[in-house]
PDB file of N, CA and C in Angstrom:
ATOM      1  N   MET A   1      -7.600 -13.484   0.923  1.00  0.00           N
ATOM      2  CA  MET A   1      -8.735 -13.416   0.192  1.00  0.00           C
ATOM      3  C   MET A   1      -9.097 -11.989   0.029  1.00  0.00           C
ATOM      4  N   HIS A   2      -9.087 -11.324   1.258  1.00  0.00           N
ATOM      5  CA  HIS A   2      -9.629 -10.252   0.708  1.00  0.00           C
ATOM      6  C   HIS A   2      -8.376  -8.898   0.310  1.00  0.00           C
ATOM      7  N   GLU A   3      -7.919  -9.934  -0.877  1.00  0.00           N
ATOM      8  CA  GLU A   3      -7.085  -9.245  -1.099  1.00  0.00           C
ATOM      9  C   GLU A   3      -7.935  -8.506  -3.318  1.00  0.00           C
ATOM     10  N   LEU A   4      -8.912  -9.550  -3.226  1.00  0.00           N
ATOM     11  CA  LEU A   4      -9.919  -9.478  -4.482  1.00  0.00           C
ATOM     12  C   LEU A   4     -10.611  -8.173  -4.282  1.00  0.00           C
ATOM     13  N   PRO A   5     -11.462  -7.986  -3.206  1.00  0.00           N
ATOM     14  CA  PRO A   5     -11.808  -6.769  -2.999  1.00  0.00           C
ATOM     15  C   PRO A   5     -10.833  -5.386  -3.235  1.00  0.00           C
ATOM     16  N   ILE A   6     -10.017  -5.336  -2.535  1.00  0.00           N
ATOM     17  CA  ILE A   6      -8.502  -4.619  -2.034  1.00  0.00           C
ATOM     18  C   ILE A   6      -8.606  -4.142  -4.012  1.00  0.00           C
ATOM     19  N   THR A   7      -8.240  -4.911  -4.681  1.00  0.00           N
ATOM     20  CA  THR A   7      -7.672  -4.805  -6.186  1.00  0.00           C
ATOM     21  C   THR A   7      -8.675  -4.592  -6.915  1.00  0.00           C
ATOM     22  N   GLN A   8     -10.132  -4.817  -6.674  1.00  0.00           N
ATOM     23  CA  GLN A   8     -11.072  -3.941  -7.854  1.00  0.00           C
ATOM     24  C   GLN A   8     -11.190  -2.845  -7.013  1.00  0.00           C
ATOM     25  N   SER A   9     -11.729  -1.974  -5.730  1.00  0.00           N
ATOM     26  CA  SER A   9     -10.955  -1.332  -5.321  1.00  0.00           C
ATOM     27  C   SER A   9      -9.632  -0.396  -6.405  1.00  0.00           C
ATOM     28  N   LEU A  10      -8.510  -0.833  -6.114  1.00  0.00           N
ATOM     29  CA  LEU A  10      -7.547  -0.375  -6.735  1.00  0.00           C
ATOM     30  C   LEU A  10      -7.547  -0.470  -8.628  1.00  0.00           C
ATOM     31  N   LEU A  11      -8.382  -0.875  -8.919  1.00  0.00           N
ATOM     32  CA  LEU A  11      -8.467  -1.061 -10.263  1.00  0.00           C
ATOM     33  C   LEU A  11      -9.638  -0.063 -10.643  1.00  0.00           C
ATOM     34  N   ASP A  12     -10.951   0.015  -9.769  1.00  0.00           N
ATOM     35  CA  ASP A  12     -11.855   1.163  -9.874  1.00  0.00           C
ATOM     36  C   ASP A  12     -11.120   2.545 -10.063  1.00  0.00           C
ATOM     37  N   ILE A  13     -10.610   2.597  -9.211  1.00  0.00           N
ATOM     38  CA  ILE A  13     -10.227   4.180  -8.737  1.00  0.00           C
ATOM     39  C   ILE A  13      -8.905   4.653 -10.320  1.00  0.00           C
ATOM     40  N   THR A  14      -8.361   3.278 -10.136  1.00  0.00           N
ATOM     41  CA  THR A  14      -7.191   3.545 -11.289  1.00  0.00           C
ATOM     42  C   THR A  14      -8.527   4.210 -13.042  1.00  0.00           C
ATOM     43  N   LEU A  15      -8.717   3.052 -12.967  1.00  0.00           N
ATOM     44  CA  LEU A  15      -9.713   3.408 -14.374  1.00  0.00           C
ATOM     45  C   LEU A  15     -10.412   4.166 -14.125  1.00  0.00           C
ATOM     46  N   ARG A  16     -11.393   4.817 -13.488  1.00  0.00           N
ATOM     47  CA  ARG A  16     -11.591   6.442 -13.364  1.00  0.00           C
ATOM     48  C   ARG A  16     -11.074   7.210 -13.297  1.00  0.00           C
ATOM     49  N   HIS A  17      -9.767   7.842 -13.428  1.00  0.00           N
ATOM     50  CA  HIS A  17      -8.335   8.352 -13.038  1.00  0.00           C
ATOM     51  C   HIS A  17      -8.222   8.193 -14.539  1.00  0.00           C
ATOM     52  N   ALA A  18      -8.055   7.231 -15.483  1.00  0.00           N
ATOM     53  CA  ALA A  18      -7.574   7.293 -16.746  1.00  0.00           C
ATOM     54  C   ALA A  18      -8.440   7.756 -17.537  1.00  0.00           C
ATOM     55  N   ASN A  19      -9.805   7.420 -17.313  1.00  0.00           N
ATOM     56  CA  ASN A  19     -10.747   7.931 -18.384  1.00  0.00           C
ATOM     57  C   ASN A  19     -10.790   8.710 -17.976  1.00  0.00           C
ATOM     58  N   ALA A  20     -10.669  10.141 -16.934  1.00  0.00           N
ATOM     59  CA  ALA A  20     -11.002  11.558 -16.520  1.00  0.00           C
ATOM     60  C   ALA A  20      -9.826  12.600 -17.364  1.00  0.00           C
ATOM     61  N   ALA A  21      -8.961  11.519 -17.626  1.00  0.00           N
ATOM     62  CA  ALA A  21      -7.923  11.848 -18.811  1.00  0.00           C
ATOM     63  C   ALA A  21      -7.232  11.783 -19.729  1.00  0.00           C
ATOM     64  N   GLY A  22      -8.557  10.772 -20.281  1.00  0.00           N
ATOM     65  CA  GLY A  22      -8.485  10.315 -21.562  1.00  0.00           C
ATOM     66  C   GLY A  22      -7.487   9.804 -22.058  1.00  0.00           C
ATOM     67  N   ALA A  23      -7.304   8.534 -20.595  1.00  0.00           N
ATOM     68  CA  ALA A  23      -5.565   7.638 -21.488  1.00  0.00           C
ATOM     69  C   ALA A  23      -6.647   6.816 -22.240  1.00  0.00           C
ATOM     70  N   THR A  24      -5.277   5.875 -22.919  1.00  0.00           N
ATOM     71  CA  THR A  24      -6.203   4.823 -23.323  1.00  0.00           C
ATOM     72  C   THR A  24      -5.212   3.799 -23.311  1.00  0.00           C
ATOM     73  N   ARG A  25      -4.408   3.837 -22.394  1.00  0.00           N
ATOM     74  CA  ARG A  25      -3.342   2.896 -21.879  1.00  0.00           C
ATOM     75  C   ARG A  25      -3.239   3.418 -20.614  1.00  0.00           C
ATOM     76  N   VAL A  26      -3.181   2.765 -19.632  1.00  0.00           N
ATOM     77  CA  VAL A  26      -2.392   2.545 -18.208  1.00  0.00           C
ATOM     78  C   VAL A  26      -1.239   1.744 -18.205  1.00  0.00           C
ATOM     79  N   THR A  27      -0.372   2.371 -18.119  1.00  0.00           N
ATOM     80  CA  THR A  27       1.373   1.689 -17.874  1.00  0.00           C
ATOM     81  C   THR A  27       1.514   1.220 -16.595  1.00  0.00           C
ATOM     82  N   GLN A  28       1.793   2.337 -15.541  1.00  0.00           N
ATOM     83  CA  GLN A  28       2.002   2.164 -13.950  1.00  0.00           C
ATOM     84  C   GLN A  28       1.272   2.162 -13.321  1.00  0.00           C
ATOM     85  N   ILE A  29       1.247   1.572 -12.259  1.00  0.00           N
ATOM     86  CA  ILE A  29       0.447   2.053 -10.691  1.00  0.00           C
ATOM     87  C   ILE A  29       1.093   1.864  -9.800  1.00  0.00           C
ATOM     88  N   ARG A  30       1.728   2.899  -8.579  1.00  0.00           N
ATOM     89  CA  ARG A  30       2.717   2.643  -7.867  1.00  0.00           C
ATOM     90  C   ARG A  30       1.504   2.929  -6.559  1.00  0.00           C
ATOM     91  N   VAL A  31       1.442   1.802  -5.910  1.00  0.00           N
ATOM     92  CA  VAL A  31       0.851   1.091  -4.651  1.00  0.00           C
ATOM     93  C   VAL A  31       1.726   1.570  -3.891  1.00  0.00           C
ATOM     94  N   LYS A  32       1.436   2.171  -2.575  1.00  0.00           N
ATOM     95  CA  LYS A  32       1.704   2.576  -1.149  1.00  0.00           C
ATOM     96  C   LYS A  32       1.344   1.181  -0.125  1.00  0.00           C
ATOM     97  N   ILE A  33       1.687   0.569   0.158  1.00  0.00           N
ATOM     98  CA  ILE A  33       1.147  -0.783   0.923  1.00  0.00           C
ATOM     99  C   ILE A  33       2.325  -0.478   2.754  1.00  0.00           C
ATOM    100  N   GLY A  34       1.721   0.127   3.820  1.00  0.00           N
ATOM    101  CA  GLY A  34       1.818   0.018   5.193  1.00  0.00           C
ATOM    102  C   GLY A  34       2.925  -1.613   5.888  1.00  0.00           C
ATOM    103  N   GLN A  35       3.390  -1.318   6.300  1.00  0.00           N
ATOM    104  CA  GLN A  35       3.857  -2.592   6.699  1.00  0.00           C
ATOM    105  C   GLN A  35       3.348  -3.458   7.639  1.00  0.00           C
ATOM    106  N   LEU A  36       2.266  -3.093   8.942  1.00  0.00           N
ATOM    107  CA  LEU A  36       1.272  -3.739   8.995  1.00  0.00           C
ATOM    108  C   LEU A  36      -0.301  -3.897   8.925  1.00  0.00           C
ATOM    109  N   SER A  37      -0.416  -3.498   7.514  1.00  0.00           N
ATOM    110  CA  SER A  37      -1.029  -4.236   6.947  1.00  0.00           C
ATOM    111  C   SER A  37      -0.886  -5.479   6.179  1.00  0.00           C
ATOM    112  N   SER A  38      -2.454  -6.305   5.848  1.00  0.00           N
ATOM    113  CA  SER A  38      -1.807  -7.713   5.766  1.00  0.00           C
ATOM    114  C   SER A  38      -2.450  -7.999   4.807  1.00  0.00           C
ATOM    115  N   VAL A  39      -2.035  -6.886   3.633  1.00  0.00           N
ATOM    116  CA  VAL A  39      -2.192  -7.161   1.985  1.00  0.00           C
ATOM    117  C   VAL A  39      -0.108  -7.698   1.164  1.00  0.00           C
ATOM    118  N   VAL A  40      -1.093  -9.164   0.245  1.00  0.00           N
ATOM    119  CA  VAL A  40       0.275  -9.503   0.285  1.00  0.00           C
ATOM    120  C   VAL A  40       0.351  -9.646  -1.494  1.00  0.00           C
ATOM    121  N   ASP A  41       1.880  -8.546  -1.560  1.00  0.00           N
ATOM    122  CA  ASP A  41       1.547  -7.942  -2.661  1.00  0.00           C
ATOM    123  C   ASP A  41       1.548  -9.161  -3.499  1.00  0.00           C
ATOM    124  N   ASP A  42       1.654 -10.626  -4.066  1.00  0.00           N
ATOM    125  CA  ASP A  42       1.253 -11.277  -4.890  1.00  0.00           C
ATOM    126  C   ASP A  42       0.183 -12.055  -4.967  1.00  0.00           C
ATOM    127  N   SER A  43      -0.553 -11.515  -4.554  1.00  0.00           N
ATOM    128  CA  SER A  43      -2.458 -11.957  -4.534  1.00  0.00           C
ATOM    129  C   SER A  43      -3.148 -10.404  -5.416  1.00  0.00           C
ATOM    130  N   VAL A  44      -2.702  -9.373  -4.822  1.00  0.00           N
ATOM    131  CA  VAL A  44      -2.846  -8.206  -5.285  1.00  0.00           C
ATOM    132  C   VAL A  44      -2.571  -8.650  -7.009  1.00  0.00           C
ATOM    133  N   GLN A  45      -1.686  -8.731  -6.991  1.00  0.00           N
ATOM    134  CA  GLN A  45      -0.713  -8.776  -9.131  1.00  0.00           C
ATOM    135  C   GLN A  45      -1.698  -9.846  -8.935  1.00  0.00           C
ATOM    136  N   PHE A  46      -2.114 -11.287  -8.288  1.00  0.00           N
ATOM    137  CA  PHE A  46      -2.643 -12.314  -9.636  1.00  0.00           C
ATOM    138  C   PHE A  46      -4.259 -11.867  -9.200  1.00  0.00           C
ATOM    139  N   TYR A  47      -4.915 -10.584  -8.687  1.00  0.00           N
ATOM    140  CA  TYR A  47      -6.209 -10.730  -8.705  1.00  0.00           C
ATOM    141  C   TYR A  47      -6.057  -9.740 -10.011  1.00  0.00           C
ATOM    142  N   TRP A  48      -4.899  -8.945 -10.246  1.00  0.00           N
ATOM    143  CA  TRP A  48      -4.759  -8.244 -11.023  1.00  0.00           C
ATOM    144  C   TRP A  48      -5.147  -8.615 -12.367  1.00  0.00           C
ATOM    145  N   ASN A  49      -4.181  -9.181 -12.533  1.00  0.00           N
ATOM    146  CA  ASN A  49      -3.702  -9.741 -13.508  1.00  0.00           C
ATOM    147  C   ASN A  49      -5.115 -10.714 -14.410  1.00  0.00           C
ATOM    148  N   ILE A  50      -6.528 -11.196 -13.248  1.00  0.00           N
ATOM    149  CA  ILE A  50      -7.906 -11.980 -14.447  1.00  0.00           C
ATOM    150  C   ILE A  50      -8.708 -10.268 -14.165  1.00  0.00           C
ATOM    151  N   ILE A  51      -8.912  -9.561 -12.644  1.00  0.00           N
ATOM    152  CA  ILE A  51      -9.688  -8.489 -13.522  1.00  0.00           C
ATOM    153  C   ILE A  51      -9.663  -7.129 -14.148  1.00  0.00           C
ATOM    154  N   ALA A  52      -8.481  -7.441 -14.119  1.00  0.00           N
ATOM    155  CA  ALA A  52      -8.138  -5.438 -15.341  1.00  0.00           C
ATOM    156  C   ALA A  52      -8.061  -6.123 -17.030  1.00  0.00           C
ATOM    157  N   LYS A  53      -8.084  -7.712 -16.554  1.00  0.00           N
ATOM    158  CA  LYS A  53      -7.850  -8.391 -18.330  1.00  0.00           C
ATOM    159  C   LYS A  53      -9.474  -7.068 -19.340  1.00  0.00           C
ATOM    160  N   ASP A  54      -8.930  -7.159 -20.589  1.00  0.00           N
ATOM    161  CA  ASP A  54      -9.476  -5.856 -21.288  1.00  0.00           C
ATOM    162  C   ASP A  54      -9.956  -5.090 -21.322  1.00  0.00           C
ATOM    163  N   THR A  55      -9.396  -4.304 -20.064  1.00  0.00           N
ATOM    164  CA  THR A  55      -9.487  -2.866 -20.010  1.00  0.00           C
ATOM    165  C   THR A  55      -8.581  -1.706 -20.157  1.00  0.00           C
ATOM    166  N   CYS A  56      -8.110  -0.541 -19.891  1.00  0.00           N
ATOM    167  CA  CYS A  56      -6.984   0.070 -20.563  1.00  0.00           C
ATOM    168  C   CYS A  56      -5.892  -0.540 -19.698  1.00  0.00           C
ATOM    169  N   ALA A  57      -5.713  -0.956 -18.411  1.00  0.00           N
ATOM    170  CA  ALA A  57      -5.357  -1.012 -17.341  1.00  0.00           C
ATOM    171  C   ALA A  57      -4.466  -2.562 -18.040  1.00  0.00           C
ATOM    172  N   GLN A  58      -5.078  -3.585 -18.308  1.00  0.00           N
ATOM    173  CA  GLN A  58      -4.677  -5.135 -18.209  1.00  0.00           C
ATOM    174  C   GLN A  58      -3.568  -5.440 -18.405  1.00  0.00           C
ATOM    175  N   ASP A  59      -1.943  -4.136 -18.720  1.00  0.00           N
ATOM    176  CA  ASP A  59      -0.929  -4.509 -19.062  1.00  0.00           C
ATOM    177  C   ASP A  59      -0.345  -3.728 -18.184  1.00  0.00           C
ATOM    178  N   ALA A  60      -0.933  -3.125 -16.954  1.00  0.00           N
ATOM    179  CA  ALA A  60      -0.359  -2.027 -16.422  1.00  0.00           C
ATOM    180  C   ALA A  60       1.107  -3.001 -15.441  1.00  0.00           C
ATOM    181  N   GLU A  61       1.641  -2.699 -14.909  1.00  0.00           N
ATOM    182  CA  GLU A  61       3.262  -3.004 -14.047  1.00  0.00           C
ATOM    183  C   GLU A  61       2.495  -2.026 -12.684  1.00  0.00           C
ATOM    184  N   LEU A  62       2.125  -2.662 -11.880  1.00  0.00           N
ATOM    185  CA  LEU A  62       2.030  -2.722 -10.543  1.00  0.00           C
ATOM    186  C   LEU A  62       3.270  -2.895  -9.861  1.00  0.00           C
ATOM    187  N   VAL A  63       3.530  -1.386  -8.956  1.00  0.00           N
ATOM    188  CA  VAL A  63       5.260  -1.362  -8.403  1.00  0.00           C
ATOM    189  C   VAL A  63       4.443  -1.272  -6.684  1.00  0.00           C
ATOM    190  N   PHE A  64       4.848  -1.785  -5.668  1.00  0.00           N
ATOM    191  CA  PHE A  64       4.514  -2.117  -4.208  1.00  0.00           C
ATOM    192  C   PHE A  64       5.748  -1.076  -3.817  1.00  0.00           C
ATOM    193  N   ASP A  65       5.350  -0.298  -3.207  1.00  0.00           N
ATOM    194  CA  ASP A  65       6.393  -0.098  -1.811  1.00  0.00           C
ATOM    195  C   ASP A  65       6.268  -0.143  -0.516  1.00  0.00           C
ATOM    196  N   ARG A  66       6.208  -0.504   0.060  1.00  0.00           N
ATOM    197  CA  ARG A  66       6.000  -0.807   1.716  1.00  0.00           C
ATOM    198  C   ARG A  66       6.486   0.606   2.284  1.00  0.00           C
ATOM    199  N   ILE A  67       5.482   0.835   3.453  1.00  0.00           N
ATOM    200  CA  ILE A  67       5.926   1.799   4.140  1.00  0.00           C
ATOM    201  C   ILE A  67       5.798   1.578   5.951  1.00  0.00           C
ATOM    202  N   PRO A  68       7.236   1.708   6.351  1.00  0.00           N
ATOM    203  CA  PRO A  68       7.309   0.936   7.256  1.00  0.00           C
ATOM    204  C   PRO A  68       6.355   1.971   8.390  1.00  0.00           C
ATOM    205  N   ALA A  69       6.414   0.330   9.478  1.00  0.00           N
ATOM    206  CA  ALA A  69       5.368   0.871  10.881  1.00  0.00           C
ATOM    207  C   ALA A  69       5.966   1.958  11.774  1.00  0.00           C
ATOM    208  N   VAL A  70       6.343   3.352  11.459  1.00  0.00           N
ATOM    209  CA  VAL A  70       6.572   4.118  13.355  1.00  0.00           C
ATOM    210  C   VAL A  70       5.753   4.273  14.533  1.00  0.00           C
ATOM    211  N   PHE A  71       6.348   4.267  15.095  1.00  0.00           N
ATOM    212  CA  PHE A  71       5.534   4.564  16.689  1.00  0.00           C
ATOM    213  C   PHE A  71       5.895   6.033  16.836  1.00  0.00           C
ATOM    214  N   HIS A  72       5.125   6.239  18.316  1.00  0.00           N
ATOM    215  CA  HIS A  72       5.816   7.294  18.769  1.00  0.00           C
ATOM    216  C   HIS A  72       5.752   6.714  20.111  1.00  0.00           C
ATOM    217  N   CYS A  73       6.497   6.990  21.095  1.00  0.00           N
ATOM    218  CA  CYS A  73       6.426   6.623  22.560  1.00  0.00           C
ATOM    219  C   CYS A  73       5.808   7.714  23.276  1.00  0.00           C
ATOM    220  N   ALA A  74       4.784   7.470  24.180  1.00  0.00           N
ATOM    221  CA  ALA A  74       4.443   8.248  24.506  1.00  0.00           C
ATOM    222  C   ALA A  74       4.681   8.626  25.962  1.00  0.00           C
ATOM    223  N   ALA A  75       5.730   8.030  25.924  1.00  0.00           N
ATOM    224  CA  ALA A  75       6.574   8.329  27.860  1.00  0.00           C
ATOM    225  C   ALA A  75       7.669   9.072  27.421  1.00  0.00           C
ATOM    226  N   CYS A  76       8.902   9.016  26.056  1.00  0.00           N
ATOM    227  CA  CYS A  76       9.684  10.231  26.021  1.00  0.00           C
ATOM    228  C   CYS A  76       9.889  10.485  25.002  1.00  0.00           C
ATOM    229  N   GLY A  77       8.638  10.430  24.487  1.00  0.00           N
ATOM    230  CA  GLY A  77       8.574  11.319  22.598  1.00  0.00           C
ATOM    231  C   GLY A  77       9.001  11.326  21.655  1.00  0.00           C
ATOM    232  N   HIS A  78      10.014  10.159  21.588  1.00  0.00           N
ATOM    233  CA  HIS A  78      11.216   9.451  20.647  1.00  0.00           C
ATOM    234  C   HIS A  78      10.094   9.010  19.893  1.00  0.00           C
ATOM    235  N   SER A  79      10.501   9.346  18.538  1.00  0.00           N
ATOM    236  CA  SER A  79       9.690   8.291  17.355  1.00  0.00           C
ATOM    237  C   SER A  79      10.033   7.693  16.757  1.00  0.00           C
ATOM    238  N   ALA A  80      10.354   6.087  16.664  1.00  0.00           N
ATOM    239  CA  ALA A  80      11.260   4.952  15.230  1.00  0.00           C
ATOM    240  C   ALA A  80      10.246   4.014  14.524  1.00  0.00           C
ATOM    241  N   ALA A  81      10.925   3.763  13.630  1.00  0.00           N
ATOM    242  CA  ALA A  81      10.177   2.437  12.498  1.00  0.00           C
ATOM    243  C   ALA A  81      10.625   1.212  13.883  1.00  0.00           C
ATOM    244  N   LEU A  82       9.522   0.575  13.572  1.00  0.00           N
ATOM    245  CA  LEU A  82       8.966  -0.684  14.200  1.00  0.00           C
ATOM    246  C   LEU A  82      10.373  -1.794  13.174  1.00  0.00           C
ATOM    247  N   GLN A  83      11.496  -2.629  13.734  1.00  0.00           N
ATOM    248  CA  GLN A  83      12.185  -3.257  13.198  1.00  0.00           C
ATOM    249  C   GLN A  83      12.288  -4.357  13.378  1.00  0.00           C
ATOM    250  N   LYS A  84      11.233  -5.198  14.242  1.00  0.00           N
ATOM    251  CA  LYS A  84      10.698  -6.735  14.257  1.00  0.00           C
ATOM    252  C   LYS A  84      10.051  -6.389  14.944  1.00  0.00           C
ATOM    253  N   ALA A  85       8.632  -7.034  14.050  1.00  0.00           N
ATOM    254  CA  ALA A  85       7.071  -7.418  15.018  1.00  0.00           C
ATOM    255  C   ALA A  85       6.768  -7.197  15.826  1.00  0.00           C
ATOM    256  N   GLU A  86       8.093  -8.271  16.792  1.00  0.00           N
ATOM    257  CA  GLU A  86       7.717  -8.241  17.834  1.00  0.00           C
ATOM    258  C   GLU A  86       8.560  -7.928  18.671  1.00  0.00           C
ATOM    259  N   ASP A  87       9.367  -6.241  18.220  1.00  0.00           N
ATOM    260  CA  ASP A  87       9.802  -5.546  19.487  1.00  0.00           C
ATOM    261  C   ASP A  87       9.022  -4.153  19.048  1.00  0.00           C
ATOM    262  N   TYR A  88       8.101  -4.227  19.914  1.00  0.00           N
ATOM    263  CA  TYR A  88       7.140  -3.894  20.634  1.00  0.00           C
ATOM    264  C   TYR A  88       7.614  -2.799  21.816  1.00  0.00           C
ATOM    265  N   ARG A  89       8.502  -2.121  22.562  1.00  0.00           N
ATOM    266  CA  ARG A  89       9.365  -1.828  23.238  1.00  0.00           C
ATOM    267  C   ARG A  89      10.049   0.060  22.040  1.00  0.00           C
ATOM    268  N   CYS A  90       9.668   1.146  23.163  1.00  0.00           N
ATOM    269  CA  CYS A  90      11.164   1.910  22.527  1.00  0.00           C
ATOM    270  C   CYS A  90      11.990   2.265  22.190  1.00  0.00           C
ATOM    271  N   PRO A  91      13.462   1.896  21.340  1.00  0.00           N
ATOM    272  CA  PRO A  91      14.230   2.057  21.741  1.00  0.00           C
ATOM    273  C   PRO A  91      15.412   3.040  22.725  1.00  0.00           C
ATOM    274  N   GLU A  92      14.548   4.230  22.984  1.00  0.00           N
ATOM    275  CA  GLU A  92      15.280   5.589  23.631  1.00  0.00           C
ATOM    276  C   GLU A  92      15.119   4.956  25.080  1.00  0.00           C
ATOM    277  N   CYS A  93      13.772   4.471  25.514  1.00  0.00           N
ATOM    278  CA  CYS A  93      13.921   4.337  26.936  1.00  0.00           C
ATOM    279  C   CYS A  93      13.525   3.329  27.455  1.00  0.00           C
ATOM    280  N   GLY A  94      12.958   2.178  26.028  1.00  0.00           N
ATOM    281  CA  GLY A  94      11.866   0.805  26.360  1.00  0.00           C
ATOM    282  C   GLY A  94      10.704   0.535  26.935  1.00  0.00           C
ATOM    283  N   SER A  95      10.042   2.037  27.057  1.00  0.00           N
ATOM    284  CA  SER A  95       8.823   1.731  27.346  1.00  0.00           C
ATOM    285  C   SER A  95       8.316   1.385  26.439  1.00  0.00           C
ATOM    286  N   PRO A  96       6.803   0.200  26.770  1.00  0.00           N
ATOM    287  CA  PRO A  96       5.785   0.107  25.840  1.00  0.00           C
ATOM    288  C   PRO A  96       4.667   0.434  25.611  1.00  0.00           C
ATOM    289  N   ASP A  97       4.821   1.638  25.514  1.00  0.00           N
ATOM    290  CA  ASP A  97       3.888   2.792  25.668  1.00  0.00           C
ATOM    291  C   ASP A  97       3.834   3.656  24.241  1.00  0.00           C
ATOM    292  N   LEU A  98       3.509   2.671  23.533  1.00  0.00           N
ATOM    293  CA  LEU A  98       4.259   3.136  21.691  1.00  0.00           C
ATOM    294  C   LEU A  98       2.629   3.790  21.302  1.00  0.00           C
ATOM    295  N   VAL A  99       2.266   4.776  20.602  1.00  0.00           N
ATOM    296  CA  VAL A  99       1.746   5.092  20.019  1.00  0.00           C
ATOM    297  C   VAL A  99       1.669   4.759  18.264  1.00  0.00           C
ATOM    298  N   LEU A 100       0.924   4.038  17.331  1.00  0.00           N
ATOM    299  CA  LEU A 100       1.506   3.404  15.683  1.00  0.00           C
ATOM    300  C   LEU A 100       0.640   5.164  15.052  1.00  0.00           C
ATOM    301  N   ASP A 101       2.082   5.759  14.317  1.00  0.00           N
ATOM    302  CA  ASP A 101       1.763   6.583  13.680  1.00  0.00           C
ATOM    303  C   ASP A 101       2.094   6.352  12.592  1.00  0.00           C
ATOM    304  N   GLY A 102       2.369   5.266  11.712  1.00  0.00           N
ATOM    305  CA  GLY A 102       1.786   5.094  10.782  1.00  0.00           C
ATOM    306  C   GLY A 102       2.741   3.418  10.150  1.00  0.00           C
ATOM    307  N   GLY A 103       1.860   2.747   8.976  1.00  0.00           N
ATOM    308  CA  GLY A 103       2.543   1.265   8.299  1.00  0.00           C
ATOM    309  C   GLY A 103       1.003   1.073   8.640  1.00  0.00           C
ATOM    310  N   GLU A 104       0.564   1.361   8.448  1.00  0.00           N
ATOM    311  CA  GLU A 104      -0.962   0.665   7.571  1.00  0.00           C
ATOM    312  C   GLU A 104      -1.807   1.560   6.780  1.00  0.00           C
ATOM    313  N   GLU A 105      -0.989   2.093   5.829  1.00  0.00           N
ATOM    314  CA  GLU A 105      -1.542   2.794   4.922  1.00  0.00           C
ATOM    315  C   GLU A 105      -1.754   1.489   3.662  1.00  0.00           C
ATOM    316  N   LEU A 106      -2.562   2.147   2.883  1.00  0.00           N
ATOM    317  CA  LEU A 106      -2.774   1.388   2.092  1.00  0.00           C
ATOM    318  C   LEU A 106      -3.562   2.339   0.486  1.00  0.00           C
ATOM    319  N   TYR A 107      -2.848   2.782  -0.395  1.00  0.00           N
ATOM    320  CA  TYR A 107      -3.698   3.797  -1.569  1.00  0.00           C
ATOM    321  C   TYR A 107      -2.798   3.923  -2.480  1.00  0.00           C
ATOM    322  N   ILE A 108      -3.074   4.667  -3.934  1.00  0.00           N
ATOM    323  CA  ILE A 108      -2.500   4.135  -5.020  1.00  0.00           C
ATOM    324  C   ILE A 108      -1.905   6.092  -5.060  1.00  0.00           C
ATOM    325  N   GLU A 109      -0.037   6.488  -5.071  1.00  0.00           N
ATOM    326  CA  GLU A 109       0.599   7.158  -4.810  1.00  0.00           C
ATOM    327  C   GLU A 109       0.691   7.691  -6.550  1.00  0.00           C
ATOM    328  N   SER A 110       0.689   7.123  -7.429  1.00  0.00           N
ATOM    329  CA  SER A 110       0.889   7.915  -8.927  1.00  0.00           C
ATOM    330  C   SER A 110      -0.034   6.460 -10.165  1.00  0.00           C
ATOM    331  N   ILE A 111      -0.406   6.932 -11.431  1.00  0.00           N
ATOM    332  CA  ILE A 111      -1.088   6.445 -12.183  1.00  0.00           C
ATOM    333  C   ILE A 111      -0.156   7.043 -12.707  1.00  0.00           C
ATOM    334  N   GLU A 112       0.449   6.108 -14.185  1.00  0.00           N
ATOM    335  CA  GLU A 112       0.946   6.336 -15.295  1.00  0.00           C
ATOM    336  C   GLU A 112       0.170   5.598 -16.361  1.00  0.00           C
ATOM    337  N   VAL A 113      -0.171   7.032 -17.322  1.00  0.00           N
ATOM    338  CA  VAL A 113      -0.747   6.219 -18.557  1.00  0.00           C
ATOM    339  C   VAL A 113      -0.073   7.536 -19.725  1.00  0.00           C
ATOM    340  N   GLU A 114      -1.179   6.768 -20.665  1.00  0.00           N
ATOM    341  CA  GLU A 114      -0.174   7.166 -22.395  1.00  0.00           C
ATOM    342  C   GLU A 114      -1.694   7.572 -23.201  1.00  0.00           C
TER     343      GLU A 114
END
């Protein structure tokens, strides 16, 4: 259910930028979503189809790109992408002392307009 306000924010941002560019139609929105975010692509698409109706973005293609979670090991300095959700140890030294460097992002990378 939290996808509805997220989708509304995506639409608001898209329309603001499309209007500023003088666009008549939005053709594509590329959205980056971190591996550890709980955003479900299909839910965003579902809500988009409802709330974008009768806007210049109603037929826009939503493209979802997943960003892998990246951890930095505080023990040895090694950085690596998280392979499995339950795999919370450094693949180099085995330490569980990991710091999240990425994977929770959610942003619009690009908006294509006509």
